[in-house]
Amino acid sequence: MAQTKRYEPNKNGKKPFSLKGILLYLLPLPILLTLFVALLNGEFRLIIVNGIAYALFLLAASIARRGFLIEKEYKNSILAKAPKIKYKSIASVIITVATFFTSYFATANGLFLSILLGLVAFVGFYLYYGLDPRIDKVGELNIGVSAEDVIEITSNARKRIENIKKLQHTIADPTVNAKLDSIIKETQNIITAVEENPNDLSRARKFFKVYLHRTEMITKEYASNVKSKNIDEKMRANYLHLLETVEETIYQQKERLNEDDITRLDVQIEALTKQLKNEGV
């Protein structure tokens, strides 16, 4: 089974917290102190030069932090494409420029020394933080299955699950909520199975795009009727029947995935047996 990685940047709408890169904000503090002194003394040139230098370092730190957060999500994901915008690489270049600018214009070092210090800053950034991920973590995909399809469809499926969870909180019905809990749990298992083996996407695509979408839409309508107190026993019974149908579909989907895995394994074993016979083993 191909092991792949799912990339879901900011999937829950919250930015992940990380201390990585805080050092970059502390690095230009001496420049800030010099800028403060220049302001007190009214030295216009030093104010401009140190202000630009400080702004460059802050810009680099902010861009680098963005790259660190994306890299963290990339590493923690099950399915991932390498980020298109190389934030860490951009930050390393800005830090190089900021170091050269500070050395040459703010401290009046020579051109050669300033270039050398800029290169040292670049190498230091690279050695300490590294550069951006450059390899897609998509595993071995069959023809007709692309990493973009897997990422898009599984991400949309997770969003639908999150929407169903939010709607579930507005439905004060233990029986309905128990059914929804089961559907949510089992659907998450199918999503994980597809992420771990994207070649199963073709078999799960209809479930994600049709049944899960239909469940979300009808649950939204049902929750709206609950809110307006328009629910009667017939509507409740019909909705529960729908959930039972979706549950059964999920179990059938899981069986199909398992059966297909077994079929692939049988084919692999048969091929290996023929190979061993041909080689006289």
Protein backbone atom coordinates (compact mmCIF):
# COMPACT_ATOMS: atom_id res chain seq x y z
CA MET A 1 0.00 0.00 0.00
CA ALA A 2 1.45 3.30 -1.03
CA GLN A 3 2.17 5.59 1.89
CA THR A 4 1.29 9.16 1.08
CA LYS A 5 0.87 12.44 2.87
CA ARG A 6 -2.11 14.72 3.00
CA TYR A 7 -1.45 18.44 3.07
CA GLU A 8 -4.11 20.53 4.75
CA PRO A 9 -2.90 23.98 5.48
CA ASN A 10 -4.98 25.68 8.15
CA LYS A 11 -7.74 23.08 7.84
CA ASN A 12 -9.53 24.18 11.02
CA GLY A 13 -9.20 27.90 10.35
CA LYS A 14 -6.71 28.43 13.17
CA LYS A 15 -3.06 29.19 12.75
CA PRO A 16 -0.86 26.58 14.45
CA PHE A 17 1.31 27.99 17.23
CA SER A 18 5.06 27.58 16.99
CA LEU A 19 8.03 29.21 18.71
CA LYS A 20 10.27 28.48 15.75
CA GLY A 21 11.63 31.67 14.24
CA ILE A 22 11.22 33.86 17.33
CA LEU A 23 15.00 34.27 17.35
CA LEU A 24 14.74 36.12 14.03
CA TYR A 25 12.69 38.84 15.71
CA LEU A 26 15.32 39.20 18.45
CA LEU A 27 18.23 39.38 16.01
CA PRO A 28 17.72 43.05 14.97
CA LEU A 29 17.19 44.40 18.52
CA PRO A 30 20.62 46.16 18.51
CA ILE A 31 19.51 47.98 15.35
CA LEU A 32 16.32 49.05 17.12
CA LEU A 33 18.40 50.41 20.01
CA THR A 34 20.63 52.31 17.57
CA LEU A 35 17.53 53.67 15.85
CA PHE A 36 16.19 54.90 19.18
CA VAL A 37 19.46 56.68 19.96
CA ALA A 38 19.48 58.25 16.49
CA LEU A 39 15.95 59.55 17.07
CA LEU A 40 17.01 61.13 20.36
CA ASN A 41 20.01 62.77 18.71
CA GLY A 42 18.08 63.80 15.61
CA GLU A 43 20.56 62.10 13.25
CA PHE A 44 18.44 61.91 10.09
CA ARG A 45 20.74 59.65 8.06
CA LEU A 46 21.06 57.06 10.85
CA ILE A 47 17.29 57.16 11.39
CA ILE A 48 16.66 56.31 7.71
CA VAL A 49 19.41 53.70 7.42
CA ASN A 50 18.62 51.88 10.67
CA GLY A 51 14.91 52.13 10.00
CA ILE A 52 15.31 50.39 6.64
CA ALA A 53 17.62 47.77 8.13
CA TYR A 54 15.22 47.01 10.98
CA ALA A 55 12.28 46.83 8.59
CA LEU A 56 14.15 44.36 6.35
CA PHE A 57 14.93 42.07 9.29
CA LEU A 58 11.32 42.18 10.50
CA LEU A 59 10.07 41.42 7.00
CA ALA A 60 12.42 38.44 6.75
CA ALA A 61 11.33 37.16 10.17
CA SER A 62 7.63 37.40 9.27
CA ILE A 63 8.09 35.62 5.93
CA ALA A 64 10.26 32.95 7.55
CA ARG A 65 7.63 32.35 10.24
CA ARG A 66 5.06 31.79 7.53
CA GLY A 67 7.39 29.25 5.95
CA PHE A 68 7.96 27.49 9.29
CA LEU A 69 4.22 27.11 9.88
CA ILE A 70 3.66 25.71 6.39
CA GLU A 71 6.58 23.34 6.84
CA LYS A 72 5.17 22.14 10.17
CA GLU A 73 1.80 21.40 8.57
CA TYR A 74 3.57 19.68 5.67
CA LYS A 75 5.54 17.40 8.02
CA ASN A 76 2.50 16.57 10.15
CA SER A 77 0.25 15.81 7.17
CA ILE A 78 -0.56 12.47 5.62
CA LEU A 79 -0.73 13.72 2.03
CA ALA A 80 1.19 16.78 0.86
CA LYS A 81 2.31 18.78 -2.11
CA ALA A 82 5.48 20.79 -1.67
CA PRO A 83 4.59 24.46 -1.06
CA LYS A 84 4.65 26.51 -4.26
CA ILE A 85 5.86 29.69 -2.56
CA LYS A 86 9.26 29.11 -0.97
CA TYR A 87 8.83 31.39 2.03
CA LYS A 88 11.98 30.24 3.83
CA SER A 89 14.11 30.73 0.73
CA ILE A 90 12.69 34.23 0.25
CA ALA A 91 13.38 35.04 3.92
CA SER A 92 16.96 33.81 3.64
CA VAL A 93 17.59 36.15 0.71
CA ILE A 94 16.06 39.11 2.56
CA ILE A 95 18.18 38.37 5.63
CA THR A 96 21.26 38.28 3.41
CA VAL A 97 20.35 41.67 1.93
CA ALA A 98 19.47 43.08 5.37
CA THR A 99 22.80 41.96 6.81
CA PHE A 100 24.75 43.44 3.90
CA PHE A 101 22.76 46.68 4.07
CA THR A 102 23.28 47.03 7.83
CA SER A 103 26.98 46.29 7.61
CA TYR A 104 27.71 48.57 4.64
CA PHE A 105 25.43 51.52 5.31
CA ALA A 106 24.78 51.49 9.07
CA THR A 107 28.18 50.46 10.43
CA ALA A 108 30.32 51.68 7.51
CA ASN A 109 32.10 48.37 7.00
CA GLY A 110 33.88 47.83 3.70
CA LEU A 111 32.16 46.32 0.67
CA PHE A 112 34.01 42.99 0.82
CA LEU A 113 33.36 42.52 4.56
CA SER A 114 29.68 43.43 4.13
CA ILE A 115 29.26 40.91 1.32
CA LEU A 116 31.01 38.29 3.44
CA LEU A 117 28.75 38.97 6.44
CA GLY A 118 25.70 38.73 4.18
CA LEU A 119 26.84 35.33 2.92
CA VAL A 120 27.54 34.20 6.49
CA ALA A 121 23.98 35.19 7.43
CA PHE A 122 22.60 33.17 4.50
CA VAL A 123 24.64 30.09 5.39
CA GLY A 124 23.71 30.44 9.06
CA PHE A 125 20.00 30.59 8.19
CA TYR A 126 20.32 27.56 5.94
CA LEU A 127 22.23 25.49 8.50
CA TYR A 128 19.91 26.37 11.38
CA TYR A 129 16.50 26.43 9.67
CA GLY A 130 17.03 24.65 6.37
CA LEU A 131 15.11 25.53 3.21
CA ASP A 132 11.58 24.77 2.09
CA PRO A 133 10.22 21.27 1.34
CA ARG A 134 10.71 20.59 -2.36
CA ILE A 135 9.42 17.04 -2.81
CA ASP A 136 5.74 16.16 -3.09
CA LYS A 137 4.70 13.43 -0.67
CA VAL A 138 2.21 11.67 -2.91
CA GLY A 139 3.38 8.06 -3.06
CA GLU A 140 2.99 5.85 -6.11
CA LEU A 141 -0.22 6.72 -7.93
CA ASN A 142 -1.97 4.72 -10.60
CA ILE A 143 -2.87 6.22 -13.96
CA GLY A 144 -6.02 8.30 -13.61
CA VAL A 145 -5.32 9.25 -9.97
CA SER A 146 -3.53 12.53 -9.31
CA ALA A 147 -2.27 13.96 -6.05
CA GLU A 148 -4.33 17.10 -6.68
CA ASP A 149 -7.52 15.00 -6.92
CA VAL A 150 -6.76 13.17 -3.69
CA ILE A 151 -5.96 16.37 -1.80
CA GLU A 152 -8.99 18.23 -3.14
CA ILE A 153 -11.52 15.45 -2.60
CA THR A 154 -10.32 14.40 0.87
CA SER A 155 -10.04 18.02 2.00
CA ASN A 156 -13.59 18.71 0.81
CA ALA A 157 -14.76 15.55 2.57
CA ARG A 158 -13.20 16.71 5.83
CA LYS A 159 -14.86 20.11 5.46
CA ARG A 160 -18.22 18.38 4.99
CA ILE A 161 -17.59 16.34 8.12
CA GLU A 162 -16.79 19.51 10.08
CA ASN A 163 -19.99 21.11 8.78
CA ILE A 164 -22.02 18.07 9.83
CA LYS A 165 -20.44 18.24 13.30
CA LYS A 166 -21.48 21.89 13.65
CA LEU A 167 -25.02 21.08 12.52
CA GLN A 168 -25.13 18.13 14.91
CA HIS A 169 -24.72 20.47 17.89
CA THR A 170 -28.02 22.14 16.98
CA ILE A 171 -29.97 18.86 16.95
CA ALA A 172 -30.99 17.79 20.45
CA ASP A 173 -31.95 14.23 19.52
CA PRO A 174 -29.85 11.39 21.03
CA THR A 175 -30.89 8.87 18.36
CA VAL A 176 -30.07 11.21 15.49
CA ASN A 177 -26.79 12.28 17.09
CA ALA A 178 -25.76 8.66 17.64
CA LYS A 179 -26.29 7.98 13.93
CA LEU A 180 -24.35 11.10 12.98
CA ASP A 181 -21.52 10.14 15.33
CA SER A 182 -21.27 6.76 13.63
CA ILE A 183 -21.32 8.29 10.14
CA ILE A 184 -18.70 10.89 11.07
CA LYS A 185 -16.36 8.31 12.63
CA GLU A 186 -16.63 5.80 9.80
CA THR A 187 -16.31 8.48 7.10
CA GLN A 188 -13.13 9.75 8.75
CA ASN A 189 -11.80 6.18 8.60
CA ILE A 190 -12.53 6.01 4.86
CA ILE A 191 -10.83 9.38 4.32
CA THR A 192 -7.76 8.14 6.19
CA ALA A 193 -7.75 4.91 4.16
CA VAL A 194 -7.83 6.88 0.90
CA GLU A 195 -5.08 9.19 2.12
CA GLU A 196 -2.91 6.20 2.99
CA ASN A 197 -3.62 4.58 -0.36
CA PRO A 198 -4.75 7.22 -2.90
CA ASN A 199 -5.29 4.53 -5.53
CA ASP A 200 -8.51 3.73 -3.64
CA LEU A 201 -9.85 7.17 -4.56
CA SER A 202 -11.64 5.95 -7.69
CA ARG A 203 -13.69 3.56 -5.54
CA ALA A 204 -14.48 6.13 -2.83
CA ARG A 205 -15.04 9.15 -5.09
CA LYS A 206 -18.79 8.55 -5.53
CA PHE A 207 -19.30 8.18 -1.78
CA PHE A 208 -17.53 11.48 -1.06
CA LYS A 209 -19.14 13.47 -3.86
CA VAL A 210 -22.67 12.04 -3.73
CA TYR A 211 -23.56 10.40 -0.42
CA LEU A 212 -21.52 12.61 1.92
CA HIS A 213 -22.62 15.77 0.09
CA ARG A 214 -26.25 14.64 0.25
CA THR A 215 -25.92 13.88 3.96
CA GLU A 216 -24.53 17.35 4.62
CA MET A 217 -27.26 19.11 2.64
CA ILE A 218 -30.14 17.18 4.19
CA THR A 219 -28.67 17.51 7.69
CA LYS A 220 -28.47 21.27 7.11
CA GLU A 221 -32.13 21.31 6.07
CA TYR A 222 -33.13 19.09 9.01
CA ALA A 223 -31.22 21.30 11.49
CA SER A 224 -32.97 24.36 10.05
CA ASN A 225 -36.36 22.72 10.63
CA VAL A 226 -35.31 21.77 14.16
CA LYS A 227 -34.42 25.40 14.84
CA SER A 228 -37.79 26.61 13.54
CA LYS A 229 -39.58 23.73 15.36
CA ASN A 230 -41.07 22.32 12.17
CA ILE A 231 -40.07 18.70 12.83
CA ASP A 232 -42.75 16.00 12.95
CA GLU A 233 -42.38 12.24 13.38
CA LYS A 234 -42.62 11.56 9.65
CA MET A 235 -39.78 13.97 8.86
CA ARG A 236 -37.69 12.55 11.71
CA ALA A 237 -38.32 8.97 10.52
CA ASN A 238 -37.35 9.89 6.94
CA TYR A 239 -34.16 11.56 8.14
CA LEU A 240 -33.21 8.58 10.31
CA HIS A 241 -33.85 6.30 7.33
CA LEU A 242 -31.49 8.42 5.26
CA LEU A 243 -28.79 8.17 7.95
CA GLU A 244 -29.25 4.40 8.11
CA THR A 245 -28.84 4.23 4.32
CA VAL A 246 -25.65 6.29 4.52
CA GLU A 247 -24.36 4.04 7.32
CA GLU A 248 -24.97 0.96 5.21
CA THR A 249 -23.27 2.63 2.24
CA ILE A 250 -20.24 3.38 4.40
CA TYR A 251 -19.94 -0.24 5.51
CA GLN A 252 -20.25 -1.41 1.90
CA GLN A 253 -17.59 1.12 0.88
CA LYS A 254 -15.21 -0.15 3.56
CA GLU A 255 -15.81 -3.74 2.45
CA ARG A 256 -15.05 -2.76 -1.15
CA LEU A 257 -11.77 -1.17 -0.11
CA ASN A 258 -10.81 -4.22 1.93
CA GLU A 259 -11.84 -6.65 -0.81
CA ASP A 260 -9.88 -4.69 -3.41
CA ASP A 261 -6.84 -4.75 -1.13
CA ILE A 262 -7.19 -8.53 -0.80
CA THR A 263 -7.59 -8.88 -4.57
CA ARG A 264 -4.42 -6.86 -5.15
CA LEU A 265 -2.60 -8.99 -2.60
CA ASP A 266 -3.77 -12.23 -4.27
CA VAL A 267 -2.53 -10.92 -7.65
CA GLN A 268 0.82 -9.99 -6.14
CA ILE A 269 1.17 -13.41 -4.49
CA GLU A 270 0.28 -15.18 -7.76
CA ALA A 271 2.80 -13.09 -9.71
CA LEU A 272 5.50 -13.78 -7.13
CA THR A 273 4.76 -17.53 -7.24
CA LYS A 274 5.13 -17.56 -11.05
CA GLN A 275 8.37 -15.62 -10.79
CA LEU A 276 9.78 -18.06 -8.23
CA LYS A 277 8.83 -21.03 -10.46
CA ASN A 278 10.44 -19.44 -13.50
CA GLU A 279 13.61 -18.90 -11.52
CA GLY A 280 13.55 -22.50 -10.33
CA VAL A 281 13.05 -21.68 -6.65
